[in-house]
Amino acid sequence: MFDIIVISHGSFSCSLLETAELIAGKQSNVKTLGVDLGCNLDEVKNELIAYLTESKNNNRDVLILSDLFFGSPFTLVCSLMEDFEFKHYSGINLPTFLEILTQRHCLSLDEILENLLIIAQSSIIDVNSYFCEEGV
């Protein structure tokens, strides 16, 4: 199993984890960070560094999930890519997050990442078209 860090604007990351835990149960080795309006980005960066250092000291792979490509949380994570080893995917949503959480106990990080983009694309459904095709 690997560690997961979810970083987002505001409280999205915390809410994402709370919601996922309602569906999939309590999760271990998952940290959340939020970038609030007017917050001190150096403090958030230091928290992120502490999480990454803890994972490294425990010889655990790390997957970082950010909410928005090129947003402040994304940029903050990218600033650490030269100093730490981790995988970073942006654009996280609940269906994709649930897939990661439920598969990480039996698959390696690399195995999950092989299909992550396919899983993410399939998590957006045109409901009108779906029901038209199903004849409902």
C-alpha atoms as a PDB file:
ATOM      1  CA  MET A   1       0.000   0.000   0.000  1.00  0.00           C
ATOM      2  CA  PHE A   2       1.151   3.564  -0.672  1.00  0.00           C
ATOM      3  CA  ASP A   3       0.486   6.933   0.923  1.00  0.00           C
ATOM      4  CA  ILE A   4      -1.916   9.451  -0.585  1.00  0.00           C
ATOM      5  CA  ILE A   5      -1.884  13.218  -0.202  1.00  0.00           C
ATOM      6  CA  VAL A   6      -4.876  15.160  -1.487  1.00  0.00           C
ATOM      7  CA  ILE A   7      -4.347  18.900  -1.875  1.00  0.00           C
ATOM      8  CA  SER A   8      -6.979  21.357  -3.038  1.00  0.00           C
ATOM      9  CA  HIS A   9      -8.450  24.799  -2.907  1.00  0.00           C
ATOM     10  CA  GLY A  10     -10.351  25.324   0.345  1.00  0.00           C
ATOM     11  CA  SER A  11     -11.775  22.299   2.135  1.00  0.00           C
ATOM     12  CA  PHE A  12     -12.427  20.197  -0.984  1.00  0.00           C
ATOM     13  CA  SER A  13      -9.673  17.686  -0.135  1.00  0.00           C
ATOM     14  CA  CYS A  14     -11.001  17.128   3.377  1.00  0.00           C
ATOM     15  CA  SER A  15     -14.588  16.807   2.130  1.00  0.00           C
ATOM     16  CA  LEU A  16     -13.480  14.412  -0.598  1.00  0.00           C
ATOM     17  CA  LEU A  17     -11.860  12.114   1.959  1.00  0.00           C
ATOM     18  CA  GLU A  18     -14.812  12.353   4.365  1.00  0.00           C
ATOM     19  CA  THR A  19     -17.239  11.470   1.577  1.00  0.00           C
ATOM     20  CA  ALA A  20     -15.071   8.611   0.337  1.00  0.00           C
ATOM     21  CA  GLU A  21     -14.899   7.228   3.874  1.00  0.00           C
ATOM     22  CA  LEU A  22     -18.721   7.245   4.079  1.00  0.00           C
ATOM     23  CA  ILE A  23     -18.715   4.905   1.083  1.00  0.00           C
ATOM     24  CA  ALA A  24     -15.505   2.882   1.451  1.00  0.00           C
ATOM     25  CA  GLY A  25     -14.822   3.025   5.195  1.00  0.00           C
ATOM     26  CA  LYS A  26     -12.028   4.600   7.213  1.00  0.00           C
ATOM     27  CA  GLN A  27      -8.815   5.075   5.242  1.00  0.00           C
ATOM     28  CA  SER A  28      -5.259   4.967   6.541  1.00  0.00           C
ATOM     29  CA  ASN A  29      -2.216   6.758   5.179  1.00  0.00           C
ATOM     30  CA  VAL A  30      -4.250   9.519   3.521  1.00  0.00           C
ATOM     31  CA  LYS A  31      -3.456  13.157   4.283  1.00  0.00           C
ATOM     32  CA  THR A  32      -5.396  16.211   3.145  1.00  0.00           C
ATOM     33  CA  LEU A  33      -4.274  19.791   2.676  1.00  0.00           C
ATOM     34  CA  GLY A  34      -6.289  22.847   1.736  1.00  0.00           C
ATOM     35  CA  VAL A  35      -5.178  26.166   0.301  1.00  0.00           C
ATOM     36  CA  ASP A  36      -7.528  28.805   1.646  1.00  0.00           C
ATOM     37  CA  LEU A  37      -7.878  32.386   0.462  1.00  0.00           C
ATOM     38  CA  GLY A  38      -5.178  34.466   2.116  1.00  0.00           C
ATOM     39  CA  CYS A  39      -3.418  31.493   3.718  1.00  0.00           C
ATOM     40  CA  ASN A  40       0.330  31.362   4.121  1.00  0.00           C
ATOM     41  CA  LEU A  41       1.504  29.151   1.240  1.00  0.00           C
ATOM     42  CA  ASP A  42       4.841  28.552   2.956  1.00  0.00           C
ATOM     43  CA  GLU A  43       2.996  26.929   5.872  1.00  0.00           C
ATOM     44  CA  VAL A  44       1.048  24.670   3.499  1.00  0.00           C
ATOM     45  CA  LYS A  45       4.285  23.821   1.687  1.00  0.00           C
ATOM     46  CA  ASN A  46       5.971  22.961   4.996  1.00  0.00           C
ATOM     47  CA  GLU A  47       3.078  20.620   5.880  1.00  0.00           C
ATOM     48  CA  LEU A  48       3.412  18.975   2.490  1.00  0.00           C
ATOM     49  CA  ILE A  49       7.162  18.593   3.011  1.00  0.00           C
ATOM     50  CA  ALA A  50       6.525  17.014   6.422  1.00  0.00           C
ATOM     51  CA  TYR A  51       4.096  14.473   4.910  1.00  0.00           C
ATOM     52  CA  LEU A  52       6.528  13.649   2.100  1.00  0.00           C
ATOM     53  CA  THR A  53       9.420  13.276   4.547  1.00  0.00           C
ATOM     54  CA  GLU A  54       7.343  10.970   6.758  1.00  0.00           C
ATOM     55  CA  SER A  55       6.479   8.777   3.770  1.00  0.00           C
ATOM     56  CA  LYS A  56      10.096   8.693   2.644  1.00  0.00           C
ATOM     57  CA  ASN A  57      11.264   7.736   6.151  1.00  0.00           C
ATOM     58  CA  ASN A  58       8.724   4.878   6.113  1.00  0.00           C
ATOM     59  CA  ASN A  59       9.845   3.738   2.618  1.00  0.00           C
ATOM     60  CA  ARG A  60       6.378   4.302   1.185  1.00  0.00           C
ATOM     61  CA  ASP A  61       5.489   5.436  -2.317  1.00  0.00           C
ATOM     62  CA  VAL A  62       3.383   8.597  -2.510  1.00  0.00           C
ATOM     63  CA  LEU A  63       0.539   9.598  -4.791  1.00  0.00           C
ATOM     64  CA  ILE A  64      -0.397  13.277  -4.671  1.00  0.00           C
ATOM     65  CA  LEU A  65      -3.797  14.238  -6.033  1.00  0.00           C
ATOM     66  CA  SER A  66      -4.535  17.896  -6.703  1.00  0.00           C
ATOM     67  CA  ASP A  67      -7.882  19.381  -7.608  1.00  0.00           C
ATOM     68  CA  LEU A  68      -7.150  21.743 -10.475  1.00  0.00           C
ATOM     69  CA  PHE A  69      -4.468  21.685 -13.158  1.00  0.00           C
ATOM     70  CA  PHE A  70      -2.282  24.794 -12.765  1.00  0.00           C
ATOM     71  CA  GLY A  71      -4.107  25.996  -9.642  1.00  0.00           C
ATOM     72  CA  SER A  72      -2.182  27.118  -6.571  1.00  0.00           C
ATOM     73  CA  PRO A  73      -2.178  23.645  -4.927  1.00  0.00           C
ATOM     74  CA  PHE A  74      -0.933  22.113  -8.201  1.00  0.00           C
ATOM     75  CA  THR A  75       1.847  24.688  -8.473  1.00  0.00           C
ATOM     76  CA  LEU A  76       2.836  24.139  -4.848  1.00  0.00           C
ATOM     77  CA  VAL A  77       3.203  20.395  -5.445  1.00  0.00           C
ATOM     78  CA  CYS A  78       5.163  20.940  -8.659  1.00  0.00           C
ATOM     79  CA  SER A  79       7.647  23.106  -6.769  1.00  0.00           C
ATOM     80  CA  LEU A  80       8.681  20.002  -4.792  1.00  0.00           C
ATOM     81  CA  MET A  81       9.100  17.595  -7.708  1.00  0.00           C
ATOM     82  CA  GLU A  82      12.871  18.031  -7.849  1.00  0.00           C
ATOM     83  CA  ASP A  83      13.357  17.464  -4.113  1.00  0.00           C
ATOM     84  CA  PHE A  84      10.998  14.529  -3.512  1.00  0.00           C
ATOM     85  CA  GLU A  85       9.926  11.431  -5.392  1.00  0.00           C
ATOM     86  CA  PHE A  86       6.169  11.048  -5.853  1.00  0.00           C
ATOM     87  CA  LYS A  87       3.488  10.656  -8.498  1.00  0.00           C
ATOM     88  CA  HIS A  88       1.221  13.670  -9.066  1.00  0.00           C
ATOM     89  CA  TYR A  89      -2.148  13.567 -10.805  1.00  0.00           C
ATOM     90  CA  SER A  90      -4.446  16.565 -11.099  1.00  0.00           C
ATOM     91  CA  GLY A  91      -8.218  16.810 -11.549  1.00  0.00           C
ATOM     92  CA  ILE A  92      -9.290  14.385  -8.816  1.00  0.00           C
ATOM     93  CA  ASN A  93     -12.976  13.558  -8.396  1.00  0.00           C
ATOM     94  CA  LEU A  94     -14.919  11.224  -6.111  1.00  0.00           C
ATOM     95  CA  PRO A  95     -15.349   8.218  -8.460  1.00  0.00           C
ATOM     96  CA  THR A  96     -11.651   8.210  -9.351  1.00  0.00           C
ATOM     97  CA  PHE A  97     -10.629   8.682  -5.718  1.00  0.00           C
ATOM     98  CA  LEU A  98     -12.801   5.733  -4.672  1.00  0.00           C
ATOM     99  CA  GLU A  99     -11.180   3.535  -7.317  1.00  0.00           C
ATOM    100  CA  ILE A 100      -7.735   4.450  -6.012  1.00  0.00           C
ATOM    101  CA  LEU A 101      -8.706   3.833  -2.384  1.00  0.00           C
ATOM    102  CA  THR A 102     -10.353   0.477  -3.026  1.00  0.00           C
ATOM    103  CA  GLN A 103      -7.578  -0.843  -5.259  1.00  0.00           C
ATOM    104  CA  ARG A 104      -4.519   0.274  -3.324  1.00  0.00           C
ATOM    105  CA  HIS A 105      -4.709  -2.663  -0.902  1.00  0.00           C
ATOM    106  CA  CYS A 106      -4.222  -5.198  -3.674  1.00  0.00           C
ATOM    107  CA  LEU A 107      -2.433  -3.293  -6.459  1.00  0.00           C
ATOM    108  CA  SER A 108       0.811  -1.356  -6.537  1.00  0.00           C
ATOM    109  CA  LEU A 109       0.869   2.355  -7.237  1.00  0.00           C
ATOM    110  CA  ASP A 110       2.226   1.725 -10.740  1.00  0.00           C
ATOM    111  CA  GLU A 111      -0.538  -0.799 -11.467  1.00  0.00           C
ATOM    112  CA  ILE A 112      -3.222   1.674 -10.397  1.00  0.00           C
ATOM    113  CA  LEU A 113      -1.670   4.488 -12.399  1.00  0.00           C
ATOM    114  CA  GLU A 114      -1.708   2.367 -15.577  1.00  0.00           C
ATOM    115  CA  ASN A 115      -5.502   2.689 -15.683  1.00  0.00           C
ATOM    116  CA  LEU A 116      -6.084   5.892 -13.741  1.00  0.00           C
ATOM    117  CA  LEU A 117      -6.734   8.151 -16.732  1.00  0.00           C
ATOM    118  CA  ILE A 118      -9.172   5.647 -18.231  1.00  0.00           C
ATOM    119  CA  ILE A 119     -10.993   5.393 -14.913  1.00  0.00           C
ATOM    120  CA  ALA A 120     -11.126   9.189 -14.616  1.00  0.00           C
ATOM    121  CA  GLN A 121     -12.542   9.612 -18.123  1.00  0.00           C
ATOM    122  CA  SER A 122     -15.238   7.031 -17.475  1.00  0.00           C
ATOM    123  CA  SER A 123     -16.348   8.842 -14.309  1.00  0.00           C
ATOM    124  CA  ILE A 124     -18.067  11.613 -16.291  1.00  0.00           C
ATOM    125  CA  ILE A 125     -21.373  10.430 -17.736  1.00  0.00           C
ATOM    126  CA  ASP A 126     -23.775  12.199 -20.099  1.00  0.00           C
ATOM    127  CA  VAL A 127     -26.899  11.057 -18.280  1.00  0.00           C
ATOM    128  CA  ASN A 128     -29.328  12.247 -20.963  1.00  0.00           C
ATOM    129  CA  SER A 129     -27.546  10.245 -23.654  1.00  0.00           C
ATOM    130  CA  TYR A 130     -27.217   7.264 -21.325  1.00  0.00           C
ATOM    131  CA  PHE A 131     -30.975   7.108 -20.730  1.00  0.00           C
ATOM    132  CA  CYS A 132     -31.760   7.656 -24.418  1.00  0.00           C
ATOM    133  CA  GLU A 133     -29.508   4.740 -25.358  1.00  0.00           C
ATOM    134  CA  GLU A 134     -31.063   2.554 -22.664  1.00  0.00           C
ATOM    135  CA  GLY A 135     -34.582   3.427 -23.832  1.00  0.00           C
ATOM    136  CA  VAL A 136     -35.619   4.904 -20.494  1.00  0.00           C
END
